[in-house]
N, C-alpha and C. Protein backbone atom coordinates (compact mmCIF):
# COMPACT_ATOMS: atom_id res chain seq x y z
N MET A 1 -14.94 -20.31 15.62
CA MET A 1 -14.49 -19.02 16.10
C MET A 1 -15.41 -17.94 15.54
N LYS A 2 -16.02 -17.17 16.41
CA LYS A 2 -16.91 -16.11 15.97
C LYS A 2 -16.11 -14.86 15.65
N GLY A 3 -16.72 -13.97 14.89
CA GLY A 3 -16.04 -12.74 14.54
C GLY A 3 -17.04 -11.73 14.03
N THR A 4 -16.49 -10.64 13.54
CA THR A 4 -17.31 -9.60 12.93
C THR A 4 -16.88 -9.44 11.48
N PRO A 5 -17.82 -9.07 10.62
CA PRO A 5 -17.45 -8.87 9.21
C PRO A 5 -16.41 -7.77 9.07
N ILE A 6 -15.49 -7.98 8.14
CA ILE A 6 -14.49 -6.96 7.83
C ILE A 6 -14.53 -6.73 6.32
N GLY A 7 -14.63 -5.49 5.93
CA GLY A 7 -14.71 -5.15 4.51
C GLY A 7 -13.43 -4.61 3.94
N GLU A 8 -12.67 -3.90 4.78
CA GLU A 8 -11.44 -3.29 4.28
C GLU A 8 -10.46 -3.02 5.41
N LEU A 9 -9.20 -2.81 5.02
CA LEU A 9 -8.13 -2.56 5.97
C LEU A 9 -7.00 -1.84 5.24
N THR A 10 -6.44 -0.83 5.86
CA THR A 10 -5.27 -0.16 5.31
C THR A 10 -4.05 -0.61 6.09
N VAL A 11 -3.06 -1.13 5.38
CA VAL A 11 -1.84 -1.67 5.98
C VAL A 11 -0.70 -0.71 5.68
N ASN A 12 -0.05 -0.21 6.73
CA ASN A 12 1.04 0.75 6.52
C ASN A 12 2.39 0.25 7.01
N SER A 13 2.49 -1.04 7.24
CA SER A 13 3.76 -1.65 7.61
C SER A 13 3.83 -3.02 6.96
N LEU A 14 4.65 -3.15 5.91
CA LEU A 14 4.79 -4.40 5.17
C LEU A 14 6.24 -4.84 5.13
N GLN A 15 6.45 -6.15 5.25
CA GLN A 15 7.80 -6.68 5.10
C GLN A 15 8.06 -6.86 3.61
N GLY A 16 9.10 -6.24 3.11
CA GLY A 16 9.41 -6.28 1.69
C GLY A 16 9.65 -7.66 1.13
N ASP A 17 10.21 -8.56 1.94
CA ASP A 17 10.51 -9.91 1.47
C ASP A 17 9.25 -10.68 1.06
N PHE A 18 8.14 -10.38 1.70
CA PHE A 18 6.92 -11.13 1.46
C PHE A 18 5.85 -10.33 0.74
N TYR A 19 6.16 -9.14 0.33
CA TYR A 19 5.19 -8.24 -0.28
C TYR A 19 4.41 -8.91 -1.41
N ASP A 20 5.11 -9.48 -2.38
CA ASP A 20 4.45 -10.07 -3.54
C ASP A 20 3.64 -11.31 -3.15
N LEU A 21 4.15 -12.12 -2.23
CA LEU A 21 3.41 -13.28 -1.76
C LEU A 21 2.11 -12.87 -1.07
N PHE A 22 2.16 -11.83 -0.25
CA PHE A 22 0.96 -11.34 0.43
C PHE A 22 -0.07 -10.87 -0.60
N ARG A 23 0.37 -10.11 -1.59
CA ARG A 23 -0.54 -9.59 -2.62
C ARG A 23 -1.23 -10.76 -3.33
N LYS A 24 -0.45 -11.73 -3.77
CA LYS A 24 -1.01 -12.88 -4.49
C LYS A 24 -1.99 -13.66 -3.61
N TYR A 25 -1.67 -13.81 -2.34
CA TYR A 25 -2.52 -14.54 -1.40
C TYR A 25 -3.88 -13.84 -1.25
N VAL A 26 -3.84 -12.53 -1.01
CA VAL A 26 -5.08 -11.77 -0.84
C VAL A 26 -5.93 -11.85 -2.10
N GLU A 27 -5.31 -11.67 -3.26
CA GLU A 27 -6.04 -11.72 -4.52
C GLU A 27 -6.58 -13.12 -4.82
N LYS A 28 -5.82 -14.15 -4.48
CA LYS A 28 -6.24 -15.54 -4.71
C LYS A 28 -7.53 -15.85 -3.96
N HIS A 29 -7.72 -15.22 -2.81
CA HIS A 29 -8.89 -15.50 -1.98
C HIS A 29 -9.98 -14.44 -2.13
N GLY A 30 -9.92 -13.68 -3.23
CA GLY A 30 -11.01 -12.78 -3.57
C GLY A 30 -10.86 -11.35 -3.11
N GLY A 31 -9.74 -11.01 -2.48
CA GLY A 31 -9.53 -9.64 -2.02
C GLY A 31 -8.96 -8.75 -3.12
N ILE A 32 -9.06 -7.46 -2.90
CA ILE A 32 -8.50 -6.46 -3.82
C ILE A 32 -7.37 -5.74 -3.10
N TRP A 33 -6.20 -5.67 -3.73
CA TRP A 33 -4.98 -5.09 -3.18
C TRP A 33 -4.70 -3.82 -3.96
N THR A 34 -4.77 -2.67 -3.31
CA THR A 34 -4.55 -1.39 -3.97
C THR A 34 -3.39 -0.66 -3.29
N GLU A 35 -2.35 -0.38 -4.06
CA GLU A 35 -1.18 0.32 -3.53
C GLU A 35 -1.42 1.82 -3.55
N GLN A 36 -0.96 2.49 -2.52
CA GLN A 36 -0.99 3.95 -2.48
C GLN A 36 0.45 4.43 -2.42
N ARG A 37 0.86 5.12 -3.48
CA ARG A 37 2.26 5.54 -3.61
C ARG A 37 2.36 7.06 -3.67
N GLU A 38 3.53 7.52 -3.28
CA GLU A 38 3.85 8.94 -3.38
C GLU A 38 5.27 9.01 -3.93
N ALA A 39 5.42 9.62 -5.10
CA ALA A 39 6.73 9.73 -5.76
C ALA A 39 7.39 8.35 -5.87
N ASP A 40 6.66 7.37 -6.36
CA ASP A 40 7.14 6.00 -6.57
C ASP A 40 7.51 5.25 -5.29
N GLN A 41 7.20 5.80 -4.15
CA GLN A 41 7.47 5.09 -2.90
C GLN A 41 6.14 4.63 -2.29
N LEU A 42 6.10 3.35 -1.94
CA LEU A 42 4.90 2.78 -1.36
C LEU A 42 4.63 3.40 0.01
N GLN A 43 3.43 3.94 0.19
CA GLN A 43 3.03 4.53 1.47
C GLN A 43 2.20 3.54 2.30
N CYS A 44 1.29 2.85 1.62
CA CYS A 44 0.44 1.87 2.29
C CYS A 44 -0.27 1.03 1.24
N VAL A 45 -0.94 0.02 1.72
CA VAL A 45 -1.74 -0.85 0.86
C VAL A 45 -3.15 -0.90 1.44
N HIS A 46 -4.12 -0.69 0.57
CA HIS A 46 -5.52 -0.77 0.99
C HIS A 46 -6.07 -2.12 0.54
N LEU A 47 -6.60 -2.88 1.49
CA LEU A 47 -7.16 -4.20 1.19
C LEU A 47 -8.68 -4.12 1.27
N GLN A 48 -9.33 -4.68 0.26
CA GLN A 48 -10.78 -4.83 0.29
C GLN A 48 -11.05 -6.32 0.29
N PHE A 49 -11.82 -6.76 1.27
CA PHE A 49 -12.10 -8.18 1.43
C PHE A 49 -13.43 -8.54 0.80
N PRO A 50 -13.55 -9.77 0.31
CA PRO A 50 -14.82 -10.21 -0.27
C PRO A 50 -15.88 -10.38 0.82
N PRO A 51 -17.15 -10.30 0.44
CA PRO A 51 -18.22 -10.53 1.42
C PRO A 51 -18.03 -11.88 2.11
N GLY A 52 -18.33 -11.92 3.39
CA GLY A 52 -18.19 -13.15 4.16
C GLY A 52 -16.88 -13.27 4.89
N THR A 53 -15.96 -12.31 4.69
CA THR A 53 -14.69 -12.32 5.41
C THR A 53 -14.93 -11.83 6.83
N MET A 54 -14.35 -12.54 7.81
CA MET A 54 -14.58 -12.22 9.22
C MET A 54 -13.27 -11.88 9.93
N SER A 55 -13.36 -10.99 10.91
CA SER A 55 -12.23 -10.63 11.76
C SER A 55 -12.55 -11.04 13.19
N THR A 56 -11.63 -11.77 13.81
CA THR A 56 -11.81 -12.22 15.19
C THR A 56 -10.66 -11.71 16.03
N GLN A 57 -10.97 -10.95 17.08
CA GLN A 57 -9.93 -10.42 17.94
C GLN A 57 -9.30 -11.55 18.75
N MET A 58 -7.96 -11.50 18.83
CA MET A 58 -7.20 -12.48 19.60
C MET A 58 -6.64 -11.76 20.83
N PRO A 59 -6.13 -12.49 21.82
CA PRO A 59 -5.53 -11.82 22.98
C PRO A 59 -4.36 -10.93 22.54
N PRO A 60 -4.20 -9.75 23.15
CA PRO A 60 -3.08 -8.89 22.79
C PRO A 60 -1.74 -9.54 23.14
N SER A 61 -0.71 -9.07 22.48
CA SER A 61 0.65 -9.56 22.75
C SER A 61 1.55 -8.34 22.85
N GLY A 62 1.99 -8.01 24.06
CA GLY A 62 2.81 -6.81 24.25
C GLY A 62 2.05 -5.58 23.82
N ASN A 63 2.64 -4.79 22.92
CA ASN A 63 2.01 -3.57 22.43
C ASN A 63 1.17 -3.79 21.18
N TYR A 64 0.87 -5.05 20.87
CA TYR A 64 0.13 -5.37 19.66
C TYR A 64 -1.28 -5.84 19.96
N ASP A 65 -2.26 -5.28 19.23
CA ASP A 65 -3.60 -5.84 19.17
C ASP A 65 -3.58 -6.81 18.00
N ARG A 66 -4.18 -7.98 18.17
CA ARG A 66 -4.09 -9.00 17.13
C ARG A 66 -5.48 -9.48 16.71
N HIS A 67 -5.62 -9.74 15.41
CA HIS A 67 -6.88 -10.23 14.86
C HIS A 67 -6.59 -11.34 13.86
N GLN A 68 -7.45 -12.33 13.85
CA GLN A 68 -7.40 -13.35 12.80
C GLN A 68 -8.45 -12.98 11.77
N ILE A 69 -8.04 -12.91 10.51
CA ILE A 69 -8.97 -12.64 9.42
C ILE A 69 -9.18 -13.95 8.68
N THR A 70 -10.45 -14.33 8.54
CA THR A 70 -10.79 -15.58 7.87
C THR A 70 -11.65 -15.26 6.65
N PHE A 71 -11.11 -15.62 5.48
CA PHE A 71 -11.86 -15.43 4.24
C PHE A 71 -13.01 -16.43 4.19
N LYS A 72 -14.00 -16.16 3.37
CA LYS A 72 -15.16 -17.04 3.24
C LYS A 72 -14.76 -18.46 2.85
N ASP A 73 -13.67 -18.59 2.07
CA ASP A 73 -13.22 -19.92 1.64
C ASP A 73 -12.37 -20.64 2.70
N GLY A 74 -12.20 -20.02 3.88
CA GLY A 74 -11.47 -20.66 4.97
C GLY A 74 -10.01 -20.24 5.09
N ALA A 75 -9.49 -19.51 4.11
CA ALA A 75 -8.10 -19.03 4.18
C ALA A 75 -7.96 -18.05 5.35
N ILE A 76 -6.78 -18.05 5.95
CA ILE A 76 -6.53 -17.25 7.16
C ILE A 76 -5.34 -16.32 6.95
N MET A 77 -5.44 -15.13 7.53
CA MET A 77 -4.30 -14.23 7.65
C MET A 77 -4.45 -13.51 8.99
N PHE A 78 -3.39 -12.86 9.42
CA PHE A 78 -3.42 -12.16 10.70
C PHE A 78 -3.15 -10.68 10.49
N TRP A 79 -3.82 -9.87 11.29
CA TRP A 79 -3.68 -8.41 11.26
C TRP A 79 -3.21 -8.00 12.65
N TYR A 80 -2.14 -7.20 12.66
CA TYR A 80 -1.57 -6.70 13.91
C TYR A 80 -1.61 -5.18 13.91
N TYR A 81 -2.00 -4.62 15.04
CA TYR A 81 -1.97 -3.17 15.22
C TYR A 81 -0.98 -2.86 16.34
N GLN A 82 0.09 -2.17 16.00
CA GLN A 82 1.11 -1.78 16.98
C GLN A 82 0.66 -0.47 17.59
N ARG A 83 0.22 -0.50 18.86
CA ARG A 83 -0.39 0.67 19.49
C ARG A 83 0.56 1.85 19.62
N LEU A 84 1.82 1.63 19.96
CA LEU A 84 2.74 2.75 20.17
C LEU A 84 3.06 3.49 18.87
N ALA A 85 3.32 2.73 17.81
CA ALA A 85 3.67 3.33 16.52
C ALA A 85 2.45 3.60 15.65
N GLU A 86 1.28 3.09 16.06
CA GLU A 86 0.03 3.22 15.31
C GLU A 86 0.18 2.69 13.88
N LEU A 87 0.74 1.48 13.77
CA LEU A 87 0.95 0.84 12.48
C LEU A 87 0.15 -0.46 12.37
N ASN A 88 -0.46 -0.68 11.21
CA ASN A 88 -1.13 -1.93 10.89
C ASN A 88 -0.18 -2.78 10.06
N SER A 89 -0.09 -4.06 10.37
CA SER A 89 0.69 -4.98 9.56
C SER A 89 -0.09 -6.28 9.41
N ILE A 90 0.33 -7.12 8.45
CA ILE A 90 -0.34 -8.39 8.22
C ILE A 90 0.69 -9.50 8.15
N SER A 91 0.24 -10.71 8.40
CA SER A 91 1.07 -11.88 8.19
C SER A 91 0.16 -13.03 7.75
N ILE A 92 0.79 -14.03 7.15
CA ILE A 92 0.07 -15.19 6.66
C ILE A 92 0.82 -16.41 7.17
N PRO A 93 0.10 -17.38 7.75
CA PRO A 93 0.79 -18.61 8.21
C PRO A 93 1.54 -19.27 7.05
N TYR A 94 2.75 -19.72 7.30
CA TYR A 94 3.57 -20.32 6.25
C TYR A 94 2.90 -21.50 5.57
N VAL A 95 2.07 -22.23 6.29
CA VAL A 95 1.42 -23.39 5.68
C VAL A 95 0.47 -22.99 4.55
N TYR A 96 0.05 -21.70 4.52
CA TYR A 96 -0.84 -21.22 3.47
C TYR A 96 -0.09 -20.67 2.27
N LEU A 97 1.21 -20.41 2.41
CA LEU A 97 1.98 -19.85 1.30
C LEU A 97 2.46 -20.98 0.46
């Protein structure tokens, strides 16, 4: 699967149940997870990916643009952009958690 290099991404829609798992996953595969807070409330998370990380656009689904992010070590996560709400979110296949 071909793609384009991705260096960073700001995520402004996170599921609280998986927040800590997502952080550990990104860090385990060489990424940097930086929280941006305002008055102790999480506003967004800025992700910096290690060199060699690629983003591949997938077919859209409804109002979502979808991308597969592949780390240099082969680990995978997905990035979704909800066009109507203008929100970025991420998910990780359960087999990787």
